[in-house]
Amino acid sequence: MEIIKIAFAVIFALAGLAGSILILVEAFKDEIWKGVLCLFCGLYMLYYMLFDFEHEHKWPMVRSHYLDLASPPE
């Protein structure tokens, strides 16, 4: 059972990392200063995701950013 928890944690962490990188790339494409703020300030990244981020798959990407915060099932 412990191996399954670790596997879920690794999968969620990788999905969160991928979502963060995709959002960071979009922020740099939008404006350089927005990308730098997203890189160094997590609160601005949250603001950018919720209010400035324009993408056809916005909400799945925002969810994937926060997947690593989800705990694996017990």
PDB file of N, CA and C in Angstrom:
ATOM      1  N   MET A   1       0.822  -1.196   0.000  1.00  0.00           N
ATOM      2  CA  MET A   1       0.000   0.000   0.000  1.00  0.00           C
ATOM      3  C   MET A   1       0.867   1.261   0.000  1.00  0.00           C
ATOM      4  N   GLU A   2       2.008   1.188   0.675  1.00  0.00           N
ATOM      5  CA  GLU A   2       2.898   2.347   0.749  1.00  0.00           C
ATOM      6  C   GLU A   2       3.468   2.694  -0.620  1.00  0.00           C
ATOM      7  N   ILE A   3       3.715   1.695  -1.438  1.00  0.00           N
ATOM      8  CA  ILE A   3       4.250   1.932  -2.786  1.00  0.00           C
ATOM      9  C   ILE A   3       3.233   2.659  -3.651  1.00  0.00           C
ATOM     10  N   ILE A   4       1.972   2.339  -3.481  1.00  0.00           N
ATOM     11  CA  ILE A   4       0.916   3.011  -4.253  1.00  0.00           C
ATOM     12  C   ILE A   4       0.842   4.487  -3.863  1.00  0.00           C
ATOM     13  N   LYS A   5       0.957   4.773  -2.577  1.00  0.00           N
ATOM     14  CA  LYS A   5       0.949   6.169  -2.121  1.00  0.00           C
ATOM     15  C   LYS A   5       2.122   6.948  -2.702  1.00  0.00           C
ATOM     16  N   ILE A   6       3.285   6.322  -2.705  1.00  0.00           N
ATOM     17  CA  ILE A   6       4.467   6.985  -3.261  1.00  0.00           C
ATOM     18  C   ILE A   6       4.300   7.208  -4.756  1.00  0.00           C
ATOM     19  N   ALA A   7       3.730   6.228  -5.455  1.00  0.00           N
ATOM     20  CA  ALA A   7       3.509   6.367  -6.891  1.00  0.00           C
ATOM     21  C   ALA A   7       2.555   7.514  -7.194  1.00  0.00           C
ATOM     22  N   PHE A   8       1.468   7.609  -6.426  1.00  0.00           N
ATOM     23  CA  PHE A   8       0.527   8.713  -6.618  1.00  0.00           C
ATOM     24  C   PHE A   8       1.196  10.050  -6.316  1.00  0.00           C
ATOM     25  N   ALA A   9       1.991  10.107  -5.275  1.00  0.00           N
ATOM     26  CA  ALA A   9       2.674  11.348  -4.924  1.00  0.00           C
ATOM     27  C   ALA A   9       3.622  11.778  -6.037  1.00  0.00           C
ATOM     28  N   VAL A  10       4.344  10.843  -6.621  1.00  0.00           N
ATOM     29  CA  VAL A  10       5.264  11.173  -7.713  1.00  0.00           C
ATOM     30  C   VAL A  10       4.496  11.642  -8.940  1.00  0.00           C
ATOM     31  N   ILE A  11       3.400  10.973  -9.271  1.00  0.00           N
ATOM     32  CA  ILE A  11       2.592  11.368 -10.432  1.00  0.00           C
ATOM     33  C   ILE A  11       2.025  12.771 -10.236  1.00  0.00           C
ATOM     34  N   PHE A  12       1.484  13.043  -9.046  1.00  0.00           N
ATOM     35  CA  PHE A  12       0.925  14.368  -8.783  1.00  0.00           C
ATOM     36  C   PHE A  12       2.001  15.447  -8.789  1.00  0.00           C
ATOM     37  N   ALA A  13       3.166  15.128  -8.268  1.00  0.00           N
ATOM     38  CA  ALA A  13       4.265  16.101  -8.257  1.00  0.00           C
ATOM     39  C   ALA A  13       4.719  16.424  -9.682  1.00  0.00           C
ATOM     40  N   LEU A  14       4.813  15.417 -10.528  1.00  0.00           N
ATOM     41  CA  LEU A  14       5.208  15.656 -11.922  1.00  0.00           C
ATOM     42  C   LEU A  14       4.149  16.458 -12.678  1.00  0.00           C
ATOM     43  N   ALA A  15       2.875  16.164 -12.429  1.00  0.00           N
ATOM     44  CA  ALA A  15       1.804  16.928 -13.071  1.00  0.00           C
ATOM     45  C   ALA A  15       1.821  18.379 -12.597  1.00  0.00           C
ATOM     46  N   GLY A  16       2.067  18.600 -11.316  1.00  0.00           N
ATOM     47  CA  GLY A  16       2.156  19.961 -10.792  1.00  0.00           C
ATOM     48  C   GLY A  16       3.340  20.719 -11.372  1.00  0.00           C
ATOM     49  N   LEU A  17       4.456  20.037 -11.502  1.00  0.00           N
ATOM     50  CA  LEU A  17       5.641  20.659 -12.097  1.00  0.00           C
ATOM     51  C   LEU A  17       5.397  21.031 -13.554  1.00  0.00           C
ATOM     52  N   ALA A  18       4.763  20.133 -14.293  1.00  0.00           N
ATOM     53  CA  ALA A  18       4.460  20.414 -15.703  1.00  0.00           C
ATOM     54  C   ALA A  18       3.503  21.598 -15.834  1.00  0.00           C
ATOM     55  N   GLY A  19       2.476  21.638 -14.985  1.00  0.00           N
ATOM     56  CA  GLY A  19       1.549  22.769 -15.013  1.00  0.00           C
ATOM     57  C   GLY A  19       2.225  24.074 -14.680  1.00  0.00           C
ATOM     58  N   SER A  20       3.118  24.063 -13.708  1.00  0.00           N
ATOM     59  CA  SER A  20       3.841  25.274 -13.332  1.00  0.00           C
ATOM     60  C   SER A  20       4.727  25.765 -14.466  1.00  0.00           C
ATOM     61  N   ILE A  21       5.406  24.841 -15.122  1.00  0.00           N
ATOM     62  CA  ILE A  21       6.284  25.228 -16.235  1.00  0.00           C
ATOM     63  C   ILE A  21       5.480  25.797 -17.390  1.00  0.00           C
ATOM     64  N   LEU A  22       4.345  25.184 -17.718  1.00  0.00           N
ATOM     65  CA  LEU A  22       3.517  25.693 -18.814  1.00  0.00           C
ATOM     66  C   LEU A  22       2.992  27.094 -18.516  1.00  0.00           C
ATOM     67  N   ILE A  23       2.559  27.318 -17.293  1.00  0.00           N
ATOM     68  CA  ILE A  23       2.048  28.639 -16.922  1.00  0.00           C
ATOM     69  C   ILE A  23       3.176  29.664 -16.901  1.00  0.00           C
ATOM     70  N   LEU A  24       4.343  29.268 -16.442  1.00  0.00           N
ATOM     71  CA  LEU A  24       5.500  30.165 -16.429  1.00  0.00           C
ATOM     72  C   LEU A  24       5.907  30.554 -17.845  1.00  0.00           C
ATOM     73  N   VAL A  25       5.891  29.610 -18.762  1.00  0.00           N
ATOM     74  CA  VAL A  25       6.218  29.908 -20.164  1.00  0.00           C
ATOM     75  C   VAL A  25       5.203  30.881 -20.749  1.00  0.00           C
ATOM     76  N   GLU A  26       3.937  30.676 -20.460  1.00  0.00           N
ATOM     77  CA  GLU A  26       2.907  31.596 -20.955  1.00  0.00           C
ATOM     78  C   GLU A  26       3.070  32.992 -20.368  1.00  0.00           C
ATOM     79  N   ALA A  27       3.479  33.078 -19.108  1.00  0.00           N
ATOM     80  CA  ALA A  27       3.701  34.390 -18.491  1.00  0.00           C
ATOM     81  C   ALA A  27       4.857  35.113 -19.170  1.00  0.00           C
ATOM     82  N   PHE A  28       5.939  34.388 -19.488  1.00  0.00           N
ATOM     83  CA  PHE A  28       7.058  35.011 -20.194  1.00  0.00           C
ATOM     84  C   PHE A  28       6.655  35.411 -21.614  1.00  0.00           C
ATOM     85  N   LYS A  29       5.792  34.650 -22.267  1.00  0.00           N
ATOM     86  CA  LYS A  29       5.322  35.021 -23.607  1.00  0.00           C
ATOM     87  C   LYS A  29       4.487  36.294 -23.560  1.00  0.00           C
ATOM     88  N   ASP A  30       3.721  36.441 -22.482  1.00  0.00           N
ATOM     89  CA  ASP A  30       2.860  37.615 -22.341  1.00  0.00           C
ATOM     90  C   ASP A  30       3.697  38.872 -22.111  1.00  0.00           C
ATOM     91  N   GLU A  31       4.473  38.896 -21.065  1.00  0.00           N
ATOM     92  CA  GLU A  31       5.355  40.020 -20.722  1.00  0.00           C
ATOM     93  C   GLU A  31       6.539  39.465 -19.947  1.00  0.00           C
ATOM     94  N   ILE A  32       7.712  40.018 -20.178  1.00  0.00           N
ATOM     95  CA  ILE A  32       8.904  39.538 -19.478  1.00  0.00           C
ATOM     96  C   ILE A  32       8.781  39.757 -17.973  1.00  0.00           C
ATOM     97  N   TRP A  33       8.296  40.909 -17.561  1.00  0.00           N
ATOM     98  CA  TRP A  33       8.220  41.196 -16.132  1.00  0.00           C
ATOM     99  C   TRP A  33       7.207  40.293 -15.431  1.00  0.00           C
ATOM    100  N   LYS A  34       6.155  39.885 -16.142  1.00  0.00           N
ATOM    101  CA  LYS A  34       5.191  38.960 -15.546  1.00  0.00           C
ATOM    102  C   LYS A  34       5.827  37.591 -15.329  1.00  0.00           C
ATOM    103  N   GLY A  35       6.643  37.156 -16.275  1.00  0.00           N
ATOM    104  CA  GLY A  35       7.343  35.890 -16.127  1.00  0.00           C
ATOM    105  C   GLY A  35       8.326  35.906 -14.972  1.00  0.00           C
ATOM    106  N   VAL A  36       9.047  37.018 -14.824  1.00  0.00           N
ATOM    107  CA  VAL A  36      10.013  37.134 -13.726  1.00  0.00           C
ATOM    108  C   VAL A  36       9.281  37.141 -12.383  1.00  0.00           C
ATOM    109  N   LEU A  37       8.168  37.866 -12.307  1.00  0.00           N
ATOM    110  CA  LEU A  37       7.401  37.875 -11.058  1.00  0.00           C
ATOM    111  C   LEU A  37       6.841  36.497 -10.745  1.00  0.00           C
ATOM    112  N   CYS A  38       6.352  35.787 -11.761  1.00  0.00           N
ATOM    113  CA  CYS A  38       5.846  34.428 -11.536  1.00  0.00           C
ATOM    114  C   CYS A  38       6.957  33.501 -11.063  1.00  0.00           C
ATOM    115  N   LEU A  39       8.145  33.706 -11.580  1.00  0.00           N
ATOM    116  CA  LEU A  39       9.273  32.856 -11.221  1.00  0.00           C
ATOM    117  C   LEU A  39       9.685  33.058  -9.770  1.00  0.00           C
ATOM    118  N   PHE A  40       9.667  34.299  -9.295  1.00  0.00           N
ATOM    119  CA  PHE A  40      10.179  34.599  -7.965  1.00  0.00           C
ATOM    120  C   PHE A  40       9.112  34.816  -6.902  1.00  0.00           C
ATOM    121  N   CYS A  41       7.867  34.985  -7.291  1.00  0.00           N
ATOM    122  CA  CYS A  41       6.818  35.274  -6.317  1.00  0.00           C
ATOM    123  C   CYS A  41       5.613  34.364  -6.579  1.00  0.00           C
ATOM    124  N   GLY A  42       5.411  33.411  -5.681  1.00  0.00           N
ATOM    125  CA  GLY A  42       4.322  32.456  -5.842  1.00  0.00           C
ATOM    126  C   GLY A  42       2.944  33.090  -5.792  1.00  0.00           C
ATOM    127  N   LEU A  43       2.790  34.155  -4.998  1.00  0.00           N
ATOM    128  CA  LEU A  43       1.492  34.817  -4.924  1.00  0.00           C
ATOM    129  C   LEU A  43       1.138  35.496  -6.241  1.00  0.00           C
ATOM    130  N   TYR A  44       2.142  36.053  -6.922  1.00  0.00           N
ATOM    131  CA  TYR A  44       1.842  36.656  -8.220  1.00  0.00           C
ATOM    132  C   TYR A  44       1.486  35.571  -9.235  1.00  0.00           C
ATOM    133  N   MET A  45       2.104  34.406  -9.128  1.00  0.00           N
ATOM    134  CA  MET A  45       1.765  33.316 -10.041  1.00  0.00           C
ATOM    135  C   MET A  45       0.302  32.911  -9.854  1.00  0.00           C
ATOM    136  N   LEU A  46      -0.157  32.876  -8.612  1.00  0.00           N
ATOM    137  CA  LEU A  46      -1.567  32.588  -8.343  1.00  0.00           C
ATOM    138  C   LEU A  46      -2.453  33.666  -8.947  1.00  0.00           C
ATOM    139  N   TYR A  47      -2.097  34.934  -8.758  1.00  0.00           N
ATOM    140  CA  TYR A  47      -2.860  36.036  -9.352  1.00  0.00           C
ATOM    141  C   TYR A  47      -2.869  35.927 -10.875  1.00  0.00           C
ATOM    142  N   TYR A  48      -1.710  35.656 -11.460  1.00  0.00           N
ATOM    143  CA  TYR A  48      -1.611  35.554 -12.915  1.00  0.00           C
ATOM    144  C   TYR A  48      -2.484  34.415 -13.431  1.00  0.00           C
ATOM    145  N   MET A  49      -2.450  33.280 -12.748  1.00  0.00           N
ATOM    146  CA  MET A  49      -3.250  32.141 -13.202  1.00  0.00           C
ATOM    147  C   MET A  49      -4.736  32.450 -13.164  1.00  0.00           C
ATOM    148  N   LEU A  50      -5.180  33.126 -12.132  1.00  0.00           N
ATOM    149  CA  LEU A  50      -6.615  33.348 -11.973  1.00  0.00           C
ATOM    150  C   LEU A  50      -7.148  34.503 -12.809  1.00  0.00           C
ATOM    151  N   PHE A  51      -6.342  35.564 -13.025  1.00  0.00           N
ATOM    152  CA  PHE A  51      -6.889  36.767 -13.638  1.00  0.00           C
ATOM    153  C   PHE A  51      -6.265  37.150 -14.982  1.00  0.00           C
ATOM    154  N   ASP A  52      -4.995  36.852 -15.227  1.00  0.00           N
ATOM    155  CA  ASP A  52      -4.341  37.275 -16.464  1.00  0.00           C
ATOM    156  C   ASP A  52      -4.148  36.149 -17.468  1.00  0.00           C
ATOM    157  N   PHE A  53      -4.164  34.933 -17.018  1.00  0.00           N
ATOM    158  CA  PHE A  53      -3.851  33.785 -17.863  1.00  0.00           C
ATOM    159  C   PHE A  53      -4.983  33.547 -18.847  1.00  0.00           C
ATOM    160  N   GLU A  54      -4.684  33.674 -20.147  1.00  0.00           N
ATOM    161  CA  GLU A  54      -5.677  33.450 -21.198  1.00  0.00           C
ATOM    162  C   GLU A  54      -5.229  32.258 -22.035  1.00  0.00           C
ATOM    163  N   HIS A  55      -5.950  31.167 -21.918  1.00  0.00           N
ATOM    164  CA  HIS A  55      -5.620  29.956 -22.659  1.00  0.00           C
ATOM    165  C   HIS A  55      -6.911  29.175 -22.836  1.00  0.00           C
ATOM    166  N   GLU A  56      -6.993  28.410 -23.903  1.00  0.00           N
ATOM    167  CA  GLU A  56      -8.232  27.662 -24.133  1.00  0.00           C
ATOM    168  C   GLU A  56      -8.430  26.551 -23.106  1.00  0.00           C
ATOM    169  N   HIS A  57      -7.363  26.095 -22.480  1.00  0.00           N
ATOM    170  CA  HIS A  57      -7.437  25.064 -21.445  1.00  0.00           C
ATOM    171  C   HIS A  57      -6.971  25.632 -20.104  1.00  0.00           C
ATOM    172  N   LYS A  58      -7.521  26.785 -19.747  1.00  0.00           N
ATOM    173  CA  LYS A  58      -7.052  27.491 -18.550  1.00  0.00           C
ATOM    174  C   LYS A  58      -7.272  26.676 -17.274  1.00  0.00           C
ATOM    175  N   TRP A  59      -8.474  26.229 -17.015  1.00  0.00           N
ATOM    176  CA  TRP A  59      -8.772  25.606 -15.727  1.00  0.00           C
ATOM    177  C   TRP A  59      -8.119  24.246 -15.558  1.00  0.00           C
ATOM    178  N   PRO A  60      -8.029  23.403 -16.584  1.00  0.00           N
ATOM    179  CA  PRO A  60      -7.254  22.166 -16.370  1.00  0.00           C
ATOM    180  C   PRO A  60      -5.783  22.431 -16.075  1.00  0.00           C
ATOM    181  N   MET A  61      -5.213  23.478 -16.679  1.00  0.00           N
ATOM    182  CA  MET A  61      -3.813  23.804 -16.410  1.00  0.00           C
ATOM    183  C   MET A  61      -3.639  24.355 -15.005  1.00  0.00           C
ATOM    184  N   VAL A  62      -4.587  25.151 -14.540  1.00  0.00           N
ATOM    185  CA  VAL A  62      -4.518  25.675 -13.174  1.00  0.00           C
ATOM    186  C   VAL A  62      -4.649  24.522 -12.184  1.00  0.00           C
ATOM    187  N   ARG A  63      -5.563  23.589 -12.455  1.00  0.00           N
ATOM    188  CA  ARG A  63      -5.696  22.427 -11.581  1.00  0.00           C
ATOM    189  C   ARG A  63      -4.429  21.586 -11.571  1.00  0.00           C
ATOM    190  N   SER A  64      -3.790  21.432 -12.725  1.00  0.00           N
ATOM    191  CA  SER A  64      -2.574  20.619 -12.761  1.00  0.00           C
ATOM    192  C   SER A  64      -1.448  21.294 -11.986  1.00  0.00           C
ATOM    193  N   HIS A  65      -1.468  22.617 -11.915  1.00  0.00           N
ATOM    194  CA  HIS A  65      -0.461  23.324 -11.115  1.00  0.00           C
ATOM    195  C   HIS A  65      -0.601  22.966  -9.643  1.00  0.00           C
ATOM    196  N   TYR A  66      -1.824  22.790  -9.195  1.00  0.00           N
ATOM    197  CA  TYR A  66      -2.051  22.513  -7.783  1.00  0.00           C
ATOM    198  C   TYR A  66      -2.247  21.038  -7.481  1.00  0.00           C
ATOM    199  N   LEU A  67      -2.033  20.150  -8.440  1.00  0.00           N
ATOM    200  CA  LEU A  67      -2.159  18.726  -8.177  1.00  0.00           C
ATOM    201  C   LEU A  67      -1.145  18.237  -7.157  1.00  0.00           C
ATOM    202  N   ASP A  68       0.033  18.832  -7.145  1.00  0.00           N
ATOM    203  CA  ASP A  68       1.040  18.368  -6.207  1.00  0.00           C
ATOM    204  C   ASP A  68       0.669  18.714  -4.758  1.00  0.00           C
ATOM    205  N   LEU A  69      -0.327  19.562  -4.566  1.00  0.00           N
ATOM    206  CA  LEU A  69      -0.794  19.870  -3.219  1.00  0.00           C
ATOM    207  C   LEU A  69      -1.793  18.834  -2.734  1.00  0.00           C
ATOM    208  N   ALA A  70      -2.348  18.054  -3.654  1.00  0.00           N
ATOM    209  CA  ALA A  70      -3.332  17.041  -3.281  1.00  0.00           C
ATOM    210  C   ALA A  70      -2.621  15.867  -2.624  1.00  0.00           C
ATOM    211  N   SER A  71      -3.218  15.369  -1.596  1.00  0.00           N
ATOM    212  CA  SER A  71      -2.607  14.215  -0.916  1.00  0.00           C
ATOM    213  C   SER A  71      -3.087  12.930  -1.586  1.00  0.00           C
ATOM    214  N   PRO A  72      -2.235  11.937  -1.653  1.00  0.00           N
ATOM    215  CA  PRO A  72      -2.643  10.674  -2.244  1.00  0.00           C
ATOM    216  C   PRO A  72      -3.691   9.983  -1.369  1.00  0.00           C
ATOM    217  N   PRO A  73      -4.506   9.134  -1.960  1.00  0.00           N
ATOM    218  CA  PRO A  73      -5.548   8.464  -1.166  1.00  0.00           C
ATOM    219  C   PRO A  73      -4.938   7.521  -0.118  1.00  0.00           C
ATOM    220  N   GLU A  74      -5.646   7.379   0.968  1.00  0.00           N
ATOM    221  CA  GLU A  74      -5.139   6.513   2.034  1.00  0.00           C
ATOM    222  C   GLU A  74      -5.815   5.168   2.024  1.00  0.00           C
TER     223      GLU A  74
END
